[in-house]
Amino acid sequence: PDTSSFAEAASLPLVLITAWGGLFD
């Protein structure tokens, strides 16, 4: 998104990766 910094945008998938890893992996 134009309103996000690179750091903010990079952090967005973190919650998904954490949830996926715990539930499925």
PDB file of all heavy atoms in Angstrom:
ATOM      1  N   PRO A   1       0.823  -1.209   0.000  1.00  0.00           N
ATOM      2  CA  PRO A   1       0.000   0.000   0.000  1.00  0.00           C
ATOM      3  C   PRO A   1       0.860   1.263   0.000  1.00  0.00           C
ATOM      4  O   PRO A   1       1.921   1.305   0.635  1.00  0.00           O
ATOM      5  CB  PRO A   1      -0.789  -0.107   1.308  1.00  0.00           C
ATOM      6  CG  PRO A   1      -0.726  -1.539   1.689  1.00  0.00           C
ATOM      7  CD  PRO A   1       0.574  -2.057   1.146  1.00  0.00           C
ATOM      8  N   ASP A   2       0.409   2.279  -0.698  1.00  0.00           N
ATOM      9  CA  ASP A   2       1.148   3.550  -0.743  1.00  0.00           C
ATOM     10  C   ASP A   2       1.301   4.178   0.636  1.00  0.00           C
ATOM     11  O   ASP A   2       2.243   4.927   0.875  1.00  0.00           O
ATOM     12  CB  ASP A   2       0.438   4.553  -1.660  1.00  0.00           C
ATOM     13  CG  ASP A   2       0.487   4.126  -3.121  1.00  0.00           C
ATOM     14  OD1 ASP A   2       1.399   3.354  -3.489  1.00  0.00           O
ATOM     15  OD2 ASP A   2      -0.391   4.561  -3.883  1.00  0.00           O
ATOM     16  N   THR A   3       0.395   3.881   1.537  1.00  0.00           N
ATOM     17  CA  THR A   3       0.424   4.476   2.876  1.00  0.00           C
ATOM     18  C   THR A   3       1.331   3.736   3.850  1.00  0.00           C
ATOM     19  O   THR A   3       1.471   4.141   4.996  1.00  0.00           O
ATOM     20  CB  THR A   3      -0.997   4.535   3.457  1.00  0.00           C
ATOM     21  OG1 THR A   3      -1.525   3.204   3.474  1.00  0.00           O
ATOM     22  CG2 THR A   3      -1.885   5.446   2.623  1.00  0.00           C
ATOM     23  N   SER A   4       1.948   2.638   3.411  1.00  0.00           N
ATOM     24  CA  SER A   4       2.798   1.834   4.290  1.00  0.00           C
ATOM     25  C   SER A   4       4.270   2.012   3.965  1.00  0.00           C
ATOM     26  O   SER A   4       4.652   2.163   2.808  1.00  0.00           O
ATOM     27  CB  SER A   4       2.466   0.348   4.146  1.00  0.00           C
ATOM     28  OG  SER A   4       1.159   0.096   4.546  1.00  0.00           O
ATOM     29  N   SER A   5       5.074   1.920   5.017  1.00  0.00           N
ATOM     30  CA  SER A   5       6.521   1.893   4.813  1.00  0.00           C
ATOM     31  C   SER A   5       6.916   0.462   4.437  1.00  0.00           C
ATOM     32  O   SER A   5       6.128  -0.479   4.586  1.00  0.00           O
ATOM     33  CB  SER A   5       7.239   2.301   6.096  1.00  0.00           C
ATOM     34  OG  SER A   5       7.073   1.297   7.086  1.00  0.00           O
ATOM     35  N   PHE A   6       8.143   0.279   3.996  1.00  0.00           N
ATOM     36  CA  PHE A   6       8.618  -1.067   3.681  1.00  0.00           C
ATOM     37  C   PHE A   6       8.581  -1.950   4.927  1.00  0.00           C
ATOM     38  O   PHE A   6       8.192  -3.117   4.868  1.00  0.00           O
ATOM     39  CB  PHE A   6      10.032  -1.029   3.087  1.00  0.00           C
ATOM     40  CG  PHE A   6      10.049  -0.659   1.637  1.00  0.00           C
ATOM     41  CD1 PHE A   6      10.413   0.622   1.244  1.00  0.00           C
ATOM     42  CD2 PHE A   6       9.694  -1.568   0.659  1.00  0.00           C
ATOM     43  CE1 PHE A   6      10.428   0.976  -0.092  1.00  0.00           C
ATOM     44  CE2 PHE A   6       9.695  -1.235  -0.691  1.00  0.00           C
ATOM     45  CZ  PHE A   6      10.067   0.054  -1.066  1.00  0.00           C
ATOM     46  N   ALA A   7       8.963  -1.395   6.060  1.00  0.00           N
ATOM     47  CA  ALA A   7       8.968  -2.166   7.310  1.00  0.00           C
ATOM     48  C   ALA A   7       7.552  -2.586   7.690  1.00  0.00           C
ATOM     49  O   ALA A   7       7.320  -3.731   8.107  1.00  0.00           O
ATOM     50  CB  ALA A   7       9.608  -1.359   8.424  1.00  0.00           C
ATOM     51  N   GLU A   8       6.592  -1.683   7.581  1.00  0.00           N
ATOM     52  CA  GLU A   8       5.205  -2.015   7.906  1.00  0.00           C
ATOM     53  C   GLU A   8       4.667  -3.081   6.964  1.00  0.00           C
ATOM     54  O   GLU A   8       4.032  -4.045   7.397  1.00  0.00           O
ATOM     55  CB  GLU A   8       4.333  -0.761   7.839  1.00  0.00           C
ATOM     56  CG  GLU A   8       4.612   0.229   8.951  1.00  0.00           C
ATOM     57  CD  GLU A   8       3.953   1.569   8.716  1.00  0.00           C
ATOM     58  OE1 GLU A   8       3.647   1.920   7.548  1.00  0.00           O
ATOM     59  OE2 GLU A   8       3.747   2.288   9.711  1.00  0.00           O
ATOM     60  N   ALA A   9       4.899  -2.927   5.695  1.00  0.00           N
ATOM     61  CA  ALA A   9       4.411  -3.890   4.715  1.00  0.00           C
ATOM     62  C   ALA A   9       5.051  -5.261   4.927  1.00  0.00           C
ATOM     63  O   ALA A   9       4.394  -6.299   4.786  1.00  0.00           O
ATOM     64  CB  ALA A   9       4.680  -3.387   3.305  1.00  0.00           C
ATOM     65  N   ALA A  10       6.324  -5.274   5.268  1.00  0.00           N
ATOM     66  CA  ALA A  10       7.020  -6.543   5.494  1.00  0.00           C
ATOM     67  C   ALA A  10       6.486  -7.259   6.732  1.00  0.00           C
ATOM     68  O   ALA A  10       6.532  -8.492   6.809  1.00  0.00           O
ATOM     69  CB  ALA A  10       8.513  -6.296   5.632  1.00  0.00           C
ATOM     70  N   SER A  11       5.963  -6.510   7.690  1.00  0.00           N
ATOM     71  CA  SER A  11       5.470  -7.132   8.916  1.00  0.00           C
ATOM     72  C   SER A  11       4.066  -7.721   8.758  1.00  0.00           C
ATOM     73  O   SER A  11       3.653  -8.556   9.563  1.00  0.00           O
ATOM     74  CB  SER A  11       5.479  -6.118  10.058  1.00  0.00           C
ATOM     75  OG  SER A  11       4.484  -5.131   9.851  1.00  0.00           O
ATOM     76  N   LEU A  12       3.328  -7.318   7.752  1.00  0.00           N
ATOM     77  CA  LEU A  12       1.949  -7.767   7.598  1.00  0.00           C
ATOM     78  C   LEU A  12       1.792  -9.287   7.547  1.00  0.00           C
ATOM     79  O   LEU A  12       0.900  -9.836   8.193  1.00  0.00           O
ATOM     80  CB  LEU A  12       1.306  -7.111   6.375  1.00  0.00           C
ATOM     81  CG  LEU A  12       1.052  -5.602   6.500  1.00  0.00           C
ATOM     82  CD1 LEU A  12       0.512  -5.046   5.194  1.00  0.00           C
ATOM     83  CD2 LEU A  12       0.108  -5.303   7.643  1.00  0.00           C
ATOM     84  N   PRO A  13       2.613 -10.005   6.808  1.00  0.00           N
ATOM     85  CA  PRO A  13       2.401 -11.457   6.760  1.00  0.00           C
ATOM     86  C   PRO A  13       2.865 -12.193   8.022  1.00  0.00           C
ATOM     87  O   PRO A  13       2.617 -13.387   8.146  1.00  0.00           O
ATOM     88  CB  PRO A  13       3.206 -11.907   5.541  1.00  0.00           C
ATOM     89  CG  PRO A  13       4.140 -10.816   5.227  1.00  0.00           C
ATOM     90  CD  PRO A  13       3.587  -9.555   5.820  1.00  0.00           C
ATOM     91  N   LEU A  14       3.494 -11.504   8.953  1.00  0.00           N
ATOM     92  CA  LEU A  14       4.034 -12.171  10.143  1.00  0.00           C
ATOM     93  C   LEU A  14       2.958 -12.912  10.925  1.00  0.00           C
ATOM     94  O   LEU A  14       3.153 -14.051  11.338  1.00  0.00           O
ATOM     95  CB  LEU A  14       4.751 -11.162  11.039  1.00  0.00           C
ATOM     96  CG  LEU A  14       5.380 -11.739  12.299  1.00  0.00           C
ATOM     97  CD1 LEU A  14       6.431 -12.776  11.948  1.00  0.00           C
ATOM     98  CD2 LEU A  14       5.980 -10.624  13.130  1.00  0.00           C
ATOM     99  N   VAL A  15       1.797 -12.299  11.149  1.00  0.00           N
ATOM    100  CA  VAL A  15       0.754 -12.968  11.923  1.00  0.00           C
ATOM    101  C   VAL A  15       0.234 -14.200  11.186  1.00  0.00           C
ATOM    102  O   VAL A  15      -0.019 -15.236  11.804  1.00  0.00           O
ATOM    103  CB  VAL A  15      -0.401 -12.027  12.311  1.00  0.00           C
ATOM    104  CG1 VAL A  15       0.059 -10.962  13.265  1.00  0.00           C
ATOM    105  CG2 VAL A  15      -1.064 -11.415  11.107  1.00  0.00           C
ATOM    106  N   LEU A  16       0.102 -14.108   9.885  1.00  0.00           N
ATOM    107  CA  LEU A  16      -0.355 -15.253   9.107  1.00  0.00           C
ATOM    108  C   LEU A  16       0.656 -16.399   9.176  1.00  0.00           C
ATOM    109  O   LEU A  16       0.288 -17.558   9.395  1.00  0.00           O
ATOM    110  CB  LEU A  16      -0.603 -14.865   7.648  1.00  0.00           C
ATOM    111  CG  LEU A  16      -1.047 -16.027   6.773  1.00  0.00           C
ATOM    112  CD1 LEU A  16      -2.519 -16.300   6.981  1.00  0.00           C
ATOM    113  CD2 LEU A  16      -0.753 -15.764   5.335  1.00  0.00           C
ATOM    114  N   ILE A  17       1.917 -16.079   9.008  1.00  0.00           N
ATOM    115  CA  ILE A  17       2.964 -17.104   9.065  1.00  0.00           C
ATOM    116  C   ILE A  17       2.994 -17.760  10.438  1.00  0.00           C
ATOM    117  O   ILE A  17       3.124 -18.981  10.564  1.00  0.00           O
ATOM    118  CB  ILE A  17       4.334 -16.490   8.706  1.00  0.00           C
ATOM    119  CG1 ILE A  17       4.345 -16.075   7.235  1.00  0.00           C
ATOM    120  CG2 ILE A  17       5.466 -17.458   9.019  1.00  0.00           C
ATOM    121  CD1 ILE A  17       5.515 -15.171   6.867  1.00  0.00           C
ATOM    122  N   THR A  18       2.857 -16.962  11.497  1.00  0.00           N
ATOM    123  CA  THR A  18       2.865 -17.492  12.862  1.00  0.00           C
ATOM    124  C   THR A  18       1.662 -18.405  13.094  1.00  0.00           C
ATOM    125  O   THR A  18       1.803 -19.511  13.635  1.00  0.00           O
ATOM    126  CB  THR A  18       2.861 -16.345  13.879  1.00  0.00           C
ATOM    127  OG1 THR A  18       3.998 -15.515  13.642  1.00  0.00           O
ATOM    128  CG2 THR A  18       2.889 -16.861  15.301  1.00  0.00           C
ATOM    129  N   ALA A  19       0.481 -17.967  12.699  1.00  0.00           N
ATOM    130  CA  ALA A  19      -0.724 -18.775  12.883  1.00  0.00           C
ATOM    131  C   ALA A  19      -0.639 -20.067  12.077  1.00  0.00           C
ATOM    132  O   ALA A  19      -0.946 -21.153  12.578  1.00  0.00           O
ATOM    133  CB  ALA A  19      -1.966 -17.971  12.494  1.00  0.00           C
ATOM    134  N   TRP A  20      -0.232 -19.962  10.823  1.00  0.00           N
ATOM    135  CA  TRP A  20      -0.116 -21.147   9.958  1.00  0.00           C
ATOM    136  C   TRP A  20       0.875 -22.155  10.556  1.00  0.00           C
ATOM    137  O   TRP A  20       0.582 -23.352  10.634  1.00  0.00           O
ATOM    138  CB  TRP A  20       0.337 -20.734   8.560  1.00  0.00           C
ATOM    139  CG  TRP A  20       0.370 -21.887   7.604  1.00  0.00           C
ATOM    140  CD1 TRP A  20       1.358 -22.823   7.464  1.00  0.00           C
ATOM    141  CD2 TRP A  20      -0.651 -22.243   6.682  1.00  0.00           C
ATOM    142  NE1 TRP A  20       1.016 -23.729   6.502  1.00  0.00           N
ATOM    143  CE2 TRP A  20      -0.214 -23.395   5.999  1.00  0.00           C
ATOM    144  CE3 TRP A  20      -1.880 -21.689   6.350  1.00  0.00           C
ATOM    145  CZ2 TRP A  20      -0.978 -24.013   5.024  1.00  0.00           C
ATOM    146  CZ3 TRP A  20      -2.636 -22.307   5.360  1.00  0.00           C
ATOM    147  CH2 TRP A  20      -2.178 -23.450   4.718  1.00  0.00           C
ATOM    148  N   GLY A  21       2.028 -21.664  10.952  1.00  0.00           N
ATOM    149  CA  GLY A  21       3.044 -22.552  11.500  1.00  0.00           C
ATOM    150  C   GLY A  21       2.561 -23.299  12.730  1.00  0.00           C
ATOM    151  O   GLY A  21       2.791 -24.501  12.883  1.00  0.00           O
ATOM    152  N   GLY A  22       1.887 -22.576  13.630  1.00  0.00           N
ATOM    153  CA  GLY A  22       1.403 -23.214  14.851  1.00  0.00           C
ATOM    154  C   GLY A  22       0.274 -24.200  14.617  1.00  0.00           C
ATOM    155  O   GLY A  22       0.257 -25.286  15.199  1.00  0.00           O
ATOM    156  N   LEU A  23      -0.657 -23.831  13.779  1.00  0.00           N
ATOM    157  CA  LEU A  23      -1.819 -24.693  13.540  1.00  0.00           C
ATOM    158  C   LEU A  23      -1.502 -25.897  12.667  1.00  0.00           C
ATOM    159  O   LEU A  23      -1.936 -27.019  12.956  1.00  0.00           O
ATOM    160  CB  LEU A  23      -2.941 -23.897  12.862  1.00  0.00           C
ATOM    161  CG  LEU A  23      -3.644 -22.841  13.690  1.00  0.00           C
ATOM    162  CD1 LEU A  23      -4.597 -22.038  12.816  1.00  0.00           C
ATOM    163  CD2 LEU A  23      -4.383 -23.464  14.862  1.00  0.00           C
ATOM    164  N   PHE A  24      -0.762 -25.672  11.595  1.00  0.00           N
ATOM    165  CA  PHE A  24      -0.607 -26.722  10.587  1.00  0.00           C
ATOM    166  C   PHE A  24       0.784 -27.356  10.556  1.00  0.00           C
ATOM    167  O   PHE A  24       0.897 -28.581  10.533  1.00  0.00           O
ATOM    168  CB  PHE A  24      -0.979 -26.178   9.206  1.00  0.00           C
ATOM    169  CG  PHE A  24      -2.352 -25.567   9.179  1.00  0.00           C
ATOM    170  CD1 PHE A  24      -2.531 -24.263   8.788  1.00  0.00           C
ATOM    171  CD2 PHE A  24      -3.464 -26.291   9.576  1.00  0.00           C
ATOM    172  CE1 PHE A  24      -3.793 -23.691   8.768  1.00  0.00           C
ATOM    173  CE2 PHE A  24      -4.737 -25.730   9.572  1.00  0.00           C
ATOM    174  CZ  PHE A  24      -4.894 -24.419   9.158  1.00  0.00           C
ATOM    175  N   ASP A  25       1.830 -26.556  10.548  1.00  0.00           N
ATOM    176  CA  ASP A  25       3.178 -27.122  10.474  1.00  0.00           C
ATOM    177  C   ASP A  25       3.540 -27.867  11.758  1.00  0.00           C
ATOM    178  O   ASP A  25       4.065 -28.975  11.705  1.00  0.00           O
ATOM    179  CB  ASP A  25       4.220 -26.037  10.193  1.00  0.00           C
ATOM    180  CG  ASP A  25       4.050 -25.409   8.818  1.00  0.00           C
ATOM    181  OD1 ASP A  25       3.405 -26.018   7.943  1.00  0.00           O
ATOM    182  OD2 ASP A  25       4.553 -24.276   8.621  1.00  0.00           O
TER     183      ASP A  25
END
